Amino acid sequence: MQREREKKERAAAKRERRQERSSATPDETMVPSAGPAGDELSASDLMRLVEAIHSEYEAGTIDLDTFEEKKAELLARVRID
């Protein structure tokens, strides 16, 4: 019973840390729209946003459909020279 209680406590602490981390940082997964001049994001910015949505999906804060939609939006903005 002690092990089960400790396991539940660790899970609760982990859940709290995850919630604090997600609420403390601004939503980086918002896909910035191109400005009127057609501003584009740099490749590093796009990669950072893709990594952020991967992290959200792995943490369970977004579902698979939302993950796929956001990822498709970002990858559609990748410019190939």
Protein backbone atom coordinates (compact mmCIF):
# COMPACT_ATOMS: atom_id res chain seq x y z
CA MET A 1 0.00 0.00 0.00
CA GLN A 2 2.89 2.35 0.75
CA ARG A 3 4.35 1.80 -2.74
CA GLU A 4 1.01 2.51 -4.37
CA ARG A 5 0.62 5.71 -2.34
CA GLU A 6 4.12 6.87 -3.30
CA LYS A 7 3.44 6.03 -6.94
CA LYS A 8 0.27 8.13 -6.89
CA GLU A 9 2.10 11.00 -5.20
CA ARG A 10 4.85 10.95 -7.83
CA ALA A 11 2.27 10.90 -10.62
CA ALA A 12 0.43 13.85 -9.06
CA ALA A 13 3.67 15.81 -8.69
CA LYS A 14 4.61 15.09 -12.29
CA ARG A 15 1.16 16.19 -13.48
CA GLU A 16 1.45 19.44 -11.49
CA ARG A 17 4.90 20.20 -12.93
CA ARG A 18 3.61 19.58 -16.44
CA GLN A 19 0.64 21.91 -15.88
CA GLU A 20 2.87 24.61 -14.39
CA ARG A 21 5.28 24.36 -17.30
CA SER A 22 2.51 24.59 -19.89
CA SER A 23 0.79 27.51 -18.16
CA ALA A 24 4.03 29.37 -17.44
CA THR A 25 5.18 29.54 -21.06
CA PRO A 26 3.26 31.34 -23.79
CA ASP A 27 1.61 29.11 -26.34
CA GLU A 28 4.47 28.69 -28.79
CA THR A 29 2.42 26.46 -31.02
CA MET A 30 0.30 29.29 -32.27
CA VAL A 31 1.21 29.55 -35.91
CA PRO A 32 2.01 33.18 -36.57
CA SER A 33 0.20 34.36 -39.64
CA ALA A 34 2.12 36.02 -42.41
CA GLY A 35 1.91 39.77 -42.18
CA PRO A 36 0.55 41.95 -44.96
CA ALA A 37 4.02 42.10 -46.49
CA GLY A 38 4.19 38.27 -46.59
CA ASP A 39 6.69 37.97 -43.76
CA GLU A 40 8.14 34.47 -43.51
CA LEU A 41 9.50 32.62 -40.54
CA SER A 42 13.08 31.49 -40.54
CA ALA A 43 13.84 27.79 -40.71
CA SER A 44 15.01 27.82 -37.11
CA ASP A 45 11.72 29.42 -35.98
CA LEU A 46 9.72 26.79 -37.86
CA MET A 47 11.77 23.99 -36.33
CA ARG A 48 11.30 25.47 -32.86
CA LEU A 49 7.53 25.54 -33.38
CA VAL A 50 7.49 21.95 -34.70
CA GLU A 51 9.49 20.83 -31.66
CA ALA A 52 7.02 22.64 -29.40
CA ILE A 53 4.00 20.86 -30.85
CA HIS A 54 5.85 17.53 -30.62
CA SER A 55 6.47 18.25 -26.93
CA GLU A 56 2.81 19.12 -26.38
CA TYR A 57 1.68 15.93 -28.08
CA GLU A 58 4.10 13.79 -26.07
CA ALA A 59 2.95 15.49 -22.85
CA GLY A 60 -0.64 14.74 -23.77
CA THR A 61 -1.82 18.35 -23.85
CA ILE A 62 -3.04 18.07 -27.45
CA ASP A 63 -4.61 15.17 -29.28
CA LEU A 64 -3.36 13.51 -32.47
CA ASP A 65 -5.72 15.43 -34.78
CA THR A 66 -4.66 18.80 -33.41
CA PHE A 67 -1.01 17.76 -33.58
CA GLU A 68 -1.33 16.74 -37.23
CA GLU A 69 -3.17 19.96 -38.16
CA LYS A 70 -0.61 22.22 -36.52
CA LYS A 71 2.28 20.26 -37.97
CA ALA A 72 0.79 20.41 -41.48
CA GLU A 73 0.29 24.18 -41.15
CA LEU A 74 3.91 24.66 -40.14
CA LEU A 75 5.38 22.35 -42.74
CA ALA A 76 3.35 24.07 -45.46
CA ARG A 77 5.27 27.25 -44.62
CA VAL A 78 8.67 25.68 -45.23
CA ARG A 79 10.28 27.43 -48.14
CA ILE A 80 12.41 25.31 -50.44
CA ASP A 81 14.96 27.21 -52.49
